Amino acid sequence: MDKALYVAMTGAKNMMLAQAAHANNLANVSTPGFRADFAQARSMGVYYGEGQPTRVYSMTENPATDFSQGPSMETGRELDIMVERDGFIAVQAPDGSEAYTRAGSLFVDSVGILRTGSNLPVLGNGGPIAIPAAEKIEIGLDGSITIIPLGQGADAPAIVDRIRLVNPPTGTMEKSTDGLIRPRDPENADIQADASVSLISGFLEGSNVNAVHEMTSILGLARQFEMQIKMMHKVQENSETSASLLQQS
């Protein structure tokens, strides 16, 4: 009885965790550049010393992130950029470290720092990109930022910096809890810029979440959760019946 109750309890718990992962994906179906998380469950043995496991329990885990490209959305805004095919935009995380994103909705703050829509500084050749007051800002295919200085004509363009673009193997990267992409192994965090990565200006990349798949997954997990709860009730009934039989004997 105890083993059956334990298996059902851990199963119900991890069905809820899996639902949370799929619900997070569904909540970000409209978030530009969002990458969906996979979720899977597996059985784990419980060992007490040497020998065979005494029981098993369920464990839900997020084994990987879906790095497939999302749909392109034309905005016409000069500071909206989309990474074409593979690659990432380098940004400065809140802890000061370098991280990566596909979200390309940029803006220039009050002190001239180029930031993402999440207010993270975009990195260039020498750190966060600072843009002086300008009449017009253009971002090229290679990430170069060209401006028409304030008070100057169109015949006086100036290149101020270049967005740091990288293209590490996605198998070596993972998505952190803050939604930013980082190397799985911190010791291999020195990722070099890749000149083959190109940008498209005036477009944003949408989320790669499949809303229908996420919804059906949540419904399926809800049914599995109900099944685990019914199993727990059945174990309780069997336990009460066994106790009653022992009292009669």
Protein backbone atom coordinates (compact mmCIF):
# COMPACT_ATOMS: atom_id res chain seq x y z
CA MET A 1 0.00 0.00 0.00
CA ASP A 2 2.74 2.39 0.98
CA LYS A 3 4.63 1.89 -2.28
CA ALA A 4 1.52 2.41 -4.43
CA LEU A 5 0.63 5.58 -2.52
CA TYR A 6 4.17 6.90 -2.91
CA VAL A 7 4.20 6.28 -6.67
CA ALA A 8 0.79 7.95 -7.11
CA MET A 9 1.77 10.91 -4.94
CA THR A 10 5.01 11.61 -6.83
CA GLY A 11 3.17 11.13 -10.12
CA ALA A 12 0.55 13.74 -9.20
CA LYS A 13 3.21 16.17 -8.02
CA ASN A 14 5.21 15.93 -11.22
CA MET A 15 2.13 16.17 -13.43
CA MET A 16 1.64 19.60 -11.83
CA LEU A 17 5.26 20.55 -12.53
CA ALA A 18 4.91 19.49 -16.17
CA GLN A 19 1.70 21.53 -16.43
CA ALA A 20 3.61 24.56 -15.15
CA ALA A 21 6.22 24.16 -17.90
CA HIS A 22 3.60 23.93 -20.64
CA ALA A 23 1.56 26.77 -19.12
CA ASN A 24 4.67 28.98 -19.18
CA ASN A 25 5.14 28.17 -22.86
CA LEU A 26 1.50 29.00 -23.57
CA ALA A 27 1.72 32.28 -21.62
CA ASN A 28 4.61 33.36 -23.88
CA VAL A 29 2.98 32.50 -27.19
CA SER A 30 3.06 36.21 -28.09
CA THR A 31 6.49 37.04 -26.59
CA PRO A 32 8.98 38.03 -29.34
CA GLY A 33 11.97 35.69 -29.57
CA PHE A 34 10.66 33.29 -26.91
CA ARG A 35 11.93 29.70 -27.05
CA ALA A 36 9.63 26.91 -25.87
CA ASP A 37 10.79 24.47 -23.19
CA PHE A 38 10.38 20.72 -23.52
CA ALA A 39 9.16 18.67 -20.56
CA GLN A 40 9.40 14.94 -19.95
CA ALA A 41 8.86 12.50 -17.10
CA ARG A 42 10.78 9.38 -16.16
CA SER A 43 10.85 6.86 -13.34
CA MET A 44 13.67 6.97 -10.80
CA GLY A 45 14.58 4.17 -8.42
CA VAL A 46 14.80 4.80 -4.68
CA TYR A 47 17.87 3.09 -3.19
CA TYR A 48 18.64 2.43 0.45
CA GLY A 49 22.20 1.19 0.51
CA GLU A 50 23.31 -1.53 -1.89
CA GLY A 51 21.02 -3.76 -3.88
CA GLN A 52 17.87 -3.18 -5.89
CA PRO A 53 15.64 -0.11 -5.50
CA THR A 54 12.84 -0.52 -2.97
CA ARG A 55 10.40 1.57 -5.02
CA VAL A 56 10.28 4.08 -7.84
CA TYR A 57 9.03 7.62 -8.13
CA SER A 58 8.18 9.95 -10.99
CA MET A 59 10.39 12.89 -11.91
CA THR A 60 9.57 15.67 -14.35
CA GLU A 61 12.48 17.46 -15.99
CA ASN A 62 13.10 20.07 -18.65
CA PRO A 63 15.65 18.26 -20.82
CA ALA A 64 16.08 20.93 -23.48
CA THR A 65 14.79 24.04 -25.20
CA ASP A 66 13.30 24.22 -28.65
CA PHE A 67 15.68 26.44 -30.62
CA SER A 68 13.76 26.31 -33.90
CA GLN A 69 13.08 29.69 -35.48
CA GLY A 70 9.78 31.44 -34.86
CA PRO A 71 7.70 33.32 -37.43
CA SER A 72 8.82 36.72 -38.73
CA MET A 73 6.68 39.79 -38.05
CA GLU A 74 7.15 42.97 -40.05
CA THR A 75 7.01 46.14 -37.94
CA GLY A 76 8.81 48.72 -40.09
CA ARG A 77 10.44 50.14 -36.95
CA GLU A 78 14.13 50.93 -37.48
CA LEU A 79 15.20 49.54 -34.08
CA ASP A 80 13.36 46.24 -34.47
CA ILE A 81 15.73 43.51 -35.62
CA MET A 82 15.42 39.80 -36.27
CA VAL A 83 18.27 37.30 -36.37
CA GLU A 84 18.15 35.54 -39.73
CA ARG A 85 18.43 31.77 -39.36
CA ASP A 86 20.80 30.72 -36.52
CA GLY A 87 22.51 32.96 -33.98
CA PHE A 88 21.92 35.18 -30.97
CA ILE A 89 22.20 38.81 -29.89
CA ALA A 90 24.62 39.36 -27.00
CA VAL A 91 23.27 41.33 -24.04
CA GLN A 92 24.45 42.20 -20.55
CA ALA A 93 22.51 40.26 -17.92
CA PRO A 94 21.45 41.94 -14.63
CA ASP A 95 24.42 40.28 -12.86
CA GLY A 96 26.84 41.85 -15.36
CA SER A 97 27.59 38.63 -17.25
CA GLU A 98 27.16 38.12 -20.97
CA ALA A 99 24.00 36.32 -22.07
CA TYR A 100 22.14 35.86 -25.33
CA THR A 101 18.66 36.44 -26.70
CA ARG A 102 16.62 36.38 -29.89
CA ALA A 103 14.31 39.20 -28.79
CA GLY A 104 15.18 42.13 -31.05
CA SER A 105 12.84 44.93 -29.98
CA LEU A 106 15.43 47.60 -29.12
CA PHE A 107 15.30 51.18 -27.87
CA VAL A 108 17.73 53.90 -26.81
CA ASP A 109 17.35 55.03 -23.18
CA SER A 110 17.67 58.55 -21.80
CA VAL A 111 21.47 58.33 -21.55
CA GLY A 112 21.97 56.83 -25.01
CA ILE A 113 22.42 53.14 -24.12
CA LEU A 114 20.93 50.69 -26.61
CA ARG A 115 18.68 48.25 -24.72
CA THR A 116 16.33 45.36 -25.40
CA GLY A 117 12.64 45.47 -24.57
CA SER A 118 13.57 43.79 -21.25
CA ASN A 119 15.81 46.79 -20.45
CA LEU A 120 19.06 44.82 -20.91
CA PRO A 121 22.04 46.65 -22.49
CA VAL A 122 22.95 45.35 -25.95
CA LEU A 123 26.65 44.48 -26.25
CA GLY A 124 28.94 45.70 -29.00
CA ASN A 125 32.66 45.46 -29.70
CA GLY A 126 33.67 47.03 -26.39
CA GLY A 127 30.72 46.48 -24.07
CA PRO A 128 27.27 48.10 -23.88
CA ILE A 129 26.51 50.15 -26.99
CA ALA A 130 26.18 53.90 -26.46
CA ILE A 131 24.52 55.91 -29.23
CA PRO A 132 24.91 59.71 -29.39
CA ALA A 133 21.99 61.99 -30.19
CA ALA A 134 20.98 61.26 -33.77
CA GLU A 135 18.51 62.26 -36.43
CA LYS A 136 18.27 58.68 -37.69
CA ILE A 137 19.55 55.25 -36.63
CA GLU A 138 20.02 52.30 -38.96
CA ILE A 139 21.12 48.74 -38.16
CA GLY A 140 22.83 46.85 -40.99
CA LEU A 141 22.76 43.18 -41.90
CA ASP A 142 26.03 42.60 -40.06
CA GLY A 143 24.83 44.41 -36.91
CA SER A 144 26.67 47.66 -37.64
CA ILE A 145 24.90 50.74 -36.28
CA THR A 146 24.94 53.82 -38.49
CA ILE A 147 23.57 57.18 -37.40
CA ILE A 148 22.96 60.60 -38.86
CA PRO A 149 24.26 62.88 -36.06
CA LEU A 150 21.85 65.42 -34.68
CA GLY A 151 21.88 68.56 -36.79
CA GLN A 152 23.72 66.88 -39.68
CA GLY A 153 22.48 65.99 -43.13
CA ALA A 154 22.05 62.59 -44.76
CA ASP A 155 25.50 63.01 -46.37
CA ALA A 156 27.26 62.74 -42.98
CA PRO A 157 26.58 59.18 -41.70
CA ALA A 158 28.73 57.73 -38.94
CA ILE A 159 29.19 54.14 -37.74
CA VAL A 160 29.13 54.13 -33.93
CA ASP A 161 29.40 50.41 -33.10
CA ARG A 162 28.43 46.91 -34.13
CA ILE A 163 26.05 44.58 -32.31
CA ARG A 164 27.84 41.50 -31.02
CA LEU A 165 26.31 38.48 -32.78
CA VAL A 166 27.23 34.90 -31.89
CA ASN A 167 26.32 31.45 -33.20
CA PRO A 168 27.40 28.74 -30.73
CA PRO A 169 26.13 25.15 -31.17
CA THR A 170 22.67 25.06 -29.61
CA GLY A 171 23.54 21.74 -27.97
CA THR A 172 25.99 23.58 -25.73
CA MET A 173 23.45 26.25 -24.70
CA GLU A 174 20.54 26.30 -22.30
CA LYS A 175 17.80 28.71 -21.28
CA SER A 176 18.06 30.10 -17.75
CA THR A 177 15.13 30.89 -15.48
CA ASP A 178 15.30 34.54 -16.56
CA GLY A 179 14.67 33.54 -20.18
CA LEU A 180 18.21 34.34 -21.37
CA ILE A 181 20.40 31.82 -23.20
CA ARG A 182 23.70 30.83 -21.56
CA PRO A 183 26.35 28.10 -22.05
CA ARG A 184 25.64 24.83 -20.25
CA ASP A 185 29.27 24.71 -19.12
CA PRO A 186 30.36 28.02 -17.51
CA GLU A 187 33.99 27.12 -18.18
CA ASN A 188 33.32 27.35 -21.93
CA ALA A 189 31.61 30.75 -21.70
CA ASP A 190 34.11 32.50 -23.98
CA ILE A 191 32.00 32.61 -27.13
CA GLN A 192 33.45 34.50 -30.08
CA ALA A 193 31.51 36.81 -32.38
CA ASP A 194 30.41 35.20 -35.64
CA ALA A 195 30.48 37.37 -38.77
CA SER A 196 28.17 34.94 -40.61
CA VAL A 197 25.19 35.86 -38.41
CA SER A 198 22.99 38.43 -40.12
CA LEU A 199 20.09 40.64 -39.06
CA ILE A 200 16.94 41.85 -40.75
CA SER A 201 15.88 45.35 -39.75
CA GLY A 202 12.22 46.28 -39.42
CA PHE A 203 11.19 42.76 -38.39
CA LEU A 204 10.74 40.86 -35.13
CA GLU A 205 10.88 37.13 -34.58
CA GLY A 206 7.79 35.74 -32.91
CA SER A 207 7.60 33.00 -30.30
CA ASN A 208 8.14 29.46 -31.59
CA VAL A 209 5.46 28.10 -29.21
CA ASN A 210 2.77 25.96 -30.82
CA ALA A 211 -0.35 27.05 -28.91
CA VAL A 212 -2.43 24.01 -29.98
CA HIS A 213 0.27 21.56 -28.87
CA GLU A 214 0.71 23.29 -25.51
CA MET A 215 -3.04 23.37 -24.85
CA THR A 216 -3.53 19.70 -25.68
CA SER A 217 -0.52 18.81 -23.52
CA ILE A 218 -2.01 20.68 -20.56
CA LEU A 219 -5.35 18.90 -21.00
CA GLY A 220 -3.61 15.52 -21.22
CA LEU A 221 -1.59 16.21 -18.08
CA ALA A 222 -4.75 17.26 -16.24
CA ARG A 223 -6.31 13.87 -17.02
CA GLN A 224 -3.16 12.09 -15.83
CA PHE A 225 -3.24 14.13 -12.62
CA GLU A 226 -6.84 13.06 -12.00
CA MET A 227 -5.82 9.43 -12.55
CA GLN A 228 -3.06 9.72 -9.94
CA ILE A 229 -5.49 11.24 -7.43
CA LYS A 230 -7.96 8.40 -8.04
CA MET A 231 -5.14 5.93 -7.44
CA MET A 232 -4.38 7.59 -4.10
CA HIS A 233 -8.05 7.31 -3.10
CA LYS A 234 -8.10 3.65 -4.15
CA VAL A 235 -5.01 2.93 -2.05
CA GLN A 236 -6.70 4.61 0.91
CA GLU A 237 -9.82 2.46 0.42
CA ASN A 238 -7.74 -0.71 0.21
CA SER A 239 -5.86 0.27 3.35
CA GLU A 240 -9.11 0.86 5.26
CA THR A 241 -10.52 -2.45 4.01
CA SER A 242 -7.39 -4.31 5.10
CA ALA A 243 -7.51 -2.71 8.54
CA SER A 244 -11.19 -3.72 8.89
CA LEU A 245 -10.41 -7.36 7.97
CA LEU A 246 -7.60 -7.50 10.52
CA GLN A 247 -9.93 -6.18 13.23
CA GLN A 248 -12.52 -8.86 12.44
CA SER A 249 -9.92 -11.61 12.63
